[in-house]
Amino acid sequence: MADPATSGPVFRLIYSSHLRVPPHERKAELGAIFSTARSKNSKSGVTGALLVWHDSIVQALEGDEAVVRELYDTIHHDPRHERVAVLEEGVVPERVFGRWSMARVSDEDDEPDIPLLMNRDKGGISPAAPRPTTPAQDEVVATMREYARGSTQPA
């Protein structure tokens, strides 16, 4: 696996989808999605962030283009998602989410973004130590929020 912290050009894909999971099952299902994503993404050198806003998901994935496209195809065919669409894709100068195999992004501008970590020893997901975000992360996260709210059109 390539070191996600390595700088240099990387492929980024941002997509949206509508979550088909009923509200009463959402917390458990999203926990499962985060756990699986963190484990698999870490092994395949994929980093990124996921925003959930009501029934909408906007996710940024970064890594080797073939790996990211294969992951997107898996998500596209996942029955928990519908109306899956690529919003942006292309090579960017470097990873923005290099320290997270999958970060959780808050759906509110004024809430801090909290990366969650899977702690298998404790049997669950726990908040990571808070760290400030970078301007590049803030920019991508702001775009993700705009997409989720429908105020930005795909490039």
C-alpha atoms as a PDB file:
ATOM      1  CA  MET A   1       0.000   0.000   0.000  1.00  0.00           C
ATOM      2  CA  ALA A   2       1.210   3.471  -0.792  1.00  0.00           C
ATOM      3  CA  ASP A   3       1.719   5.749   2.189  1.00  0.00           C
ATOM      4  CA  PRO A   4      -1.351   8.043   2.235  1.00  0.00           C
ATOM      5  CA  ALA A   5       0.742  10.799   3.790  1.00  0.00           C
ATOM      6  CA  THR A   6       3.056  10.868   0.760  1.00  0.00           C
ATOM      7  CA  SER A   7       2.661  14.128  -1.055  1.00  0.00           C
ATOM      8  CA  GLY A   8       2.241  14.407  -4.784  1.00  0.00           C
ATOM      9  CA  PRO A   9      -0.570  14.207  -7.329  1.00  0.00           C
ATOM     10  CA  VAL A  10      -3.467  11.914  -6.503  1.00  0.00           C
ATOM     11  CA  PHE A  11      -6.847  11.086  -8.025  1.00  0.00           C
ATOM     12  CA  ARG A  12      -9.872  12.506  -6.179  1.00  0.00           C
ATOM     13  CA  LEU A  13     -13.499  11.614  -6.809  1.00  0.00           C
ATOM     14  CA  ILE A  14     -16.390  13.319  -5.023  1.00  0.00           C
ATOM     15  CA  TYR A  15     -19.817  11.739  -5.361  1.00  0.00           C
ATOM     16  CA  SER A  16     -23.273  12.159  -3.893  1.00  0.00           C
ATOM     17  CA  SER A  17     -25.978   9.659  -3.165  1.00  0.00           C
ATOM     18  CA  HIS A  18     -29.315   9.364  -1.457  1.00  0.00           C
ATOM     19  CA  LEU A  19     -29.231   7.074   1.567  1.00  0.00           C
ATOM     20  CA  ARG A  20     -31.908   4.383   1.419  1.00  0.00           C
ATOM     21  CA  VAL A  21     -31.442   3.323   5.057  1.00  0.00           C
ATOM     22  CA  PRO A  22     -34.524   4.068   7.218  1.00  0.00           C
ATOM     23  CA  PRO A  23     -33.890   6.745   9.875  1.00  0.00           C
ATOM     24  CA  HIS A  24     -34.298   4.294  12.783  1.00  0.00           C
ATOM     25  CA  GLU A  25     -31.513   2.074  11.344  1.00  0.00           C
ATOM     26  CA  ARG A  26     -29.244   4.890  10.182  1.00  0.00           C
ATOM     27  CA  LYS A  27     -26.906   5.228  13.183  1.00  0.00           C
ATOM     28  CA  ALA A  28     -26.019   1.525  13.223  1.00  0.00           C
ATOM     29  CA  GLU A  29     -25.727   1.308   9.435  1.00  0.00           C
ATOM     30  CA  LEU A  30     -23.532   4.405   9.193  1.00  0.00           C
ATOM     31  CA  GLY A  31     -21.325   2.972  11.938  1.00  0.00           C
ATOM     32  CA  ALA A  32     -20.932  -0.189   9.860  1.00  0.00           C
ATOM     33  CA  ILE A  33     -20.158   1.856   6.734  1.00  0.00           C
ATOM     34  CA  PHE A  34     -17.486   3.865   8.570  1.00  0.00           C
ATOM     35  CA  SER A  35     -15.913   0.745  10.089  1.00  0.00           C
ATOM     36  CA  THR A  36     -15.748  -1.081   6.771  1.00  0.00           C
ATOM     37  CA  ALA A  37     -14.511   1.997   4.918  1.00  0.00           C
ATOM     38  CA  ARG A  38     -11.721   2.670   7.391  1.00  0.00           C
ATOM     39  CA  SER A  39     -10.478  -0.897   7.325  1.00  0.00           C
ATOM     40  CA  LYS A  40     -10.634  -1.401   3.560  1.00  0.00           C
ATOM     41  CA  ASN A  41      -9.486   2.107   2.660  1.00  0.00           C
ATOM     42  CA  SER A  42      -6.463   1.874   4.910  1.00  0.00           C
ATOM     43  CA  LYS A  43      -5.395  -1.367   3.234  1.00  0.00           C
ATOM     44  CA  SER A  44      -5.875   0.018  -0.284  1.00  0.00           C
ATOM     45  CA  GLY A  45      -4.310   3.444   0.256  1.00  0.00           C
ATOM     46  CA  VAL A  46      -7.579   5.356  -0.053  1.00  0.00           C
ATOM     47  CA  THR A  47      -8.220   8.417   2.096  1.00  0.00           C
ATOM     48  CA  GLY A  48     -11.236  10.651   2.246  1.00  0.00           C
ATOM     49  CA  ALA A  49     -14.166  12.152   4.071  1.00  0.00           C
ATOM     50  CA  LEU A  50     -17.882  11.451   4.277  1.00  0.00           C
ATOM     51  CA  LEU A  51     -20.640  13.947   4.970  1.00  0.00           C
ATOM     52  CA  VAL A  52     -24.195  12.866   5.808  1.00  0.00           C
ATOM     53  CA  TRP A  53     -26.863  15.554   5.567  1.00  0.00           C
ATOM     54  CA  HIS A  54     -30.421  14.331   6.116  1.00  0.00           C
ATOM     55  CA  ASP A  55     -30.785  11.584   3.464  1.00  0.00           C
ATOM     56  CA  SER A  56     -27.873  12.815   1.361  1.00  0.00           C
ATOM     57  CA  ILE A  57     -24.295  11.621   1.347  1.00  0.00           C
ATOM     58  CA  VAL A  58     -21.362  13.443  -0.181  1.00  0.00           C
ATOM     59  CA  GLN A  59     -18.065  11.600  -0.075  1.00  0.00           C
ATOM     60  CA  ALA A  60     -14.557  12.502  -1.220  1.00  0.00           C
ATOM     61  CA  LEU A  61     -12.232   9.612  -2.075  1.00  0.00           C
ATOM     62  CA  GLU A  62      -8.495  10.026  -2.775  1.00  0.00           C
ATOM     63  CA  GLY A  63      -5.992   7.471  -4.004  1.00  0.00           C
ATOM     64  CA  ASP A  64      -4.877   5.508  -7.027  1.00  0.00           C
ATOM     65  CA  GLU A  65      -7.390   6.179  -9.814  1.00  0.00           C
ATOM     66  CA  ALA A  66      -8.145   2.515 -10.544  1.00  0.00           C
ATOM     67  CA  VAL A  67      -8.672   1.752  -6.837  1.00  0.00           C
ATOM     68  CA  VAL A  68     -10.899   4.803  -6.296  1.00  0.00           C
ATOM     69  CA  ARG A  69     -12.992   4.027  -9.391  1.00  0.00           C
ATOM     70  CA  GLU A  70     -13.421   0.403  -8.282  1.00  0.00           C
ATOM     71  CA  LEU A  71     -14.524   1.584  -4.833  1.00  0.00           C
ATOM     72  CA  TYR A  72     -16.972   4.045  -6.397  1.00  0.00           C
ATOM     73  CA  ASP A  73     -18.396   1.242  -8.555  1.00  0.00           C
ATOM     74  CA  THR A  74     -18.936  -0.857  -5.414  1.00  0.00           C
ATOM     75  CA  ILE A  75     -20.706   2.056  -3.713  1.00  0.00           C
ATOM     76  CA  HIS A  76     -22.774   2.703  -6.856  1.00  0.00           C
ATOM     77  CA  HIS A  77     -24.123  -0.855  -6.673  1.00  0.00           C
ATOM     78  CA  ASP A  78     -24.607  -0.885  -2.869  1.00  0.00           C
ATOM     79  CA  PRO A  79     -28.364  -1.215  -2.144  1.00  0.00           C
ATOM     80  CA  ARG A  80     -28.041   1.280   0.742  1.00  0.00           C
ATOM     81  CA  HIS A  81     -27.446   4.033  -1.859  1.00  0.00           C
ATOM     82  CA  GLU A  82     -29.567   5.333  -4.725  1.00  0.00           C
ATOM     83  CA  ARG A  83     -29.141   8.223  -7.160  1.00  0.00           C
ATOM     84  CA  VAL A  84     -25.363   7.875  -6.958  1.00  0.00           C
ATOM     85  CA  ALA A  85     -23.602  10.501  -9.086  1.00  0.00           C
ATOM     86  CA  VAL A  86     -20.054  11.731  -9.597  1.00  0.00           C
ATOM     87  CA  LEU A  87     -19.806  15.436  -8.735  1.00  0.00           C
ATOM     88  CA  GLU A  88     -16.082  15.977  -9.348  1.00  0.00           C
ATOM     89  CA  GLU A  89     -13.220  13.779 -10.450  1.00  0.00           C
ATOM     90  CA  GLY A  90      -9.639  14.302 -11.488  1.00  0.00           C
ATOM     91  CA  VAL A  91      -6.035  14.481 -10.451  1.00  0.00           C
ATOM     92  CA  VAL A  92      -5.265  17.020  -7.715  1.00  0.00           C
ATOM     93  CA  PRO A  93      -1.831  18.223  -6.567  1.00  0.00           C
ATOM     94  CA  GLU A  94      -1.919  16.229  -3.304  1.00  0.00           C
ATOM     95  CA  ARG A  95      -4.140  14.466  -0.801  1.00  0.00           C
ATOM     96  CA  VAL A  96      -6.277  16.686   1.374  1.00  0.00           C
ATOM     97  CA  PHE A  97      -7.434  13.927   3.733  1.00  0.00           C
ATOM     98  CA  GLY A  98      -4.106  12.074   3.989  1.00  0.00           C
ATOM     99  CA  ARG A  99      -4.334  11.391   7.713  1.00  0.00           C
ATOM    100  CA  TRP A 100      -7.806   9.800   7.535  1.00  0.00           C
ATOM    101  CA  SER A 101      -8.796   6.530   5.894  1.00  0.00           C
ATOM    102  CA  MET A 102     -12.294   8.003   6.270  1.00  0.00           C
ATOM    103  CA  ALA A 103     -13.114  11.178   8.183  1.00  0.00           C
ATOM    104  CA  ARG A 104     -16.599  12.107   9.275  1.00  0.00           C
ATOM    105  CA  VAL A 105     -17.534  15.609   8.232  1.00  0.00           C
ATOM    106  CA  SER A 106     -20.051  17.599  10.222  1.00  0.00           C
ATOM    107  CA  ASP A 107     -23.121  18.731   8.320  1.00  0.00           C
ATOM    108  CA  GLU A 108     -22.965  22.198   9.888  1.00  0.00           C
ATOM    109  CA  ASP A 109     -20.431  24.922   9.128  1.00  0.00           C
ATOM    110  CA  ASP A 110     -20.181  25.938  12.777  1.00  0.00           C
ATOM    111  CA  GLU A 111     -19.617  22.430  14.155  1.00  0.00           C
ATOM    112  CA  PRO A 112     -16.079  21.085  14.302  1.00  0.00           C
ATOM    113  CA  ASP A 113     -15.248  18.255  11.957  1.00  0.00           C
ATOM    114  CA  ILE A 114     -14.423  15.208  14.053  1.00  0.00           C
ATOM    115  CA  PRO A 115     -12.500  12.310  12.566  1.00  0.00           C
ATOM    116  CA  LEU A 116     -13.768   9.076  14.092  1.00  0.00           C
ATOM    117  CA  LEU A 117     -11.482   6.150  14.723  1.00  0.00           C
ATOM    118  CA  MET A 118     -12.374   2.478  14.836  1.00  0.00           C
ATOM    119  CA  ASN A 119     -11.053   0.983  18.044  1.00  0.00           C
ATOM    120  CA  ARG A 120     -11.398  -2.759  17.731  1.00  0.00           C
ATOM    121  CA  ASP A 121     -10.042  -3.322  21.263  1.00  0.00           C
ATOM    122  CA  LYS A 122     -12.852  -1.262  22.745  1.00  0.00           C
ATOM    123  CA  GLY A 123     -15.442  -2.642  20.326  1.00  0.00           C
ATOM    124  CA  GLY A 124     -16.581   0.555  18.712  1.00  0.00           C
ATOM    125  CA  ILE A 125     -15.968   3.911  17.151  1.00  0.00           C
ATOM    126  CA  SER A 126     -14.554   6.766  19.171  1.00  0.00           C
ATOM    127  CA  PRO A 127     -13.639  10.379  18.453  1.00  0.00           C
ATOM    128  CA  ALA A 128     -10.035  10.979  17.538  1.00  0.00           C
ATOM    129  CA  ALA A 129      -7.998  13.647  19.261  1.00  0.00           C
ATOM    130  CA  PRO A 130      -9.119  16.946  17.795  1.00  0.00           C
ATOM    131  CA  ARG A 131      -6.697  18.488  15.342  1.00  0.00           C
ATOM    132  CA  PRO A 132      -7.135  21.663  13.405  1.00  0.00           C
ATOM    133  CA  THR A 133      -8.066  21.289   9.770  1.00  0.00           C
ATOM    134  CA  THR A 134      -5.949  22.745   6.987  1.00  0.00           C
ATOM    135  CA  PRO A 135      -7.155  25.441   4.577  1.00  0.00           C
ATOM    136  CA  ALA A 136      -7.215  22.825   1.774  1.00  0.00           C
ATOM    137  CA  GLN A 137      -9.406  20.516   3.887  1.00  0.00           C
ATOM    138  CA  ASP A 138     -11.696  23.394   4.791  1.00  0.00           C
ATOM    139  CA  GLU A 139     -12.088  24.249   1.091  1.00  0.00           C
ATOM    140  CA  VAL A 140     -13.015  20.698   0.034  1.00  0.00           C
ATOM    141  CA  VAL A 141     -15.323  20.249   3.047  1.00  0.00           C
ATOM    142  CA  ALA A 142     -17.096  23.542   2.220  1.00  0.00           C
ATOM    143  CA  THR A 143     -17.635  22.294  -1.342  1.00  0.00           C
ATOM    144  CA  MET A 144     -18.992  18.984  -0.004  1.00  0.00           C
ATOM    145  CA  ARG A 145     -21.451  20.871   2.210  1.00  0.00           C
ATOM    146  CA  GLU A 146     -22.589  22.990  -0.750  1.00  0.00           C
ATOM    147  CA  TYR A 147     -23.172  19.861  -2.829  1.00  0.00           C
ATOM    148  CA  ALA A 148     -25.136  18.247   0.011  1.00  0.00           C
ATOM    149  CA  ARG A 149     -27.380  21.280   0.296  1.00  0.00           C
ATOM    150  CA  GLY A 150     -27.838  21.476  -3.475  1.00  0.00           C
ATOM    151  CA  SER A 151     -26.333  24.933  -3.831  1.00  0.00           C
ATOM    152  CA  THR A 152     -23.450  23.803  -6.044  1.00  0.00           C
ATOM    153  CA  GLN A 153     -23.732  22.061  -9.390  1.00  0.00           C
ATOM    154  CA  PRO A 154     -21.280  19.345 -10.482  1.00  0.00           C
ATOM    155  CA  ALA A 155     -18.239  20.521 -12.424  1.00  0.00           C
END
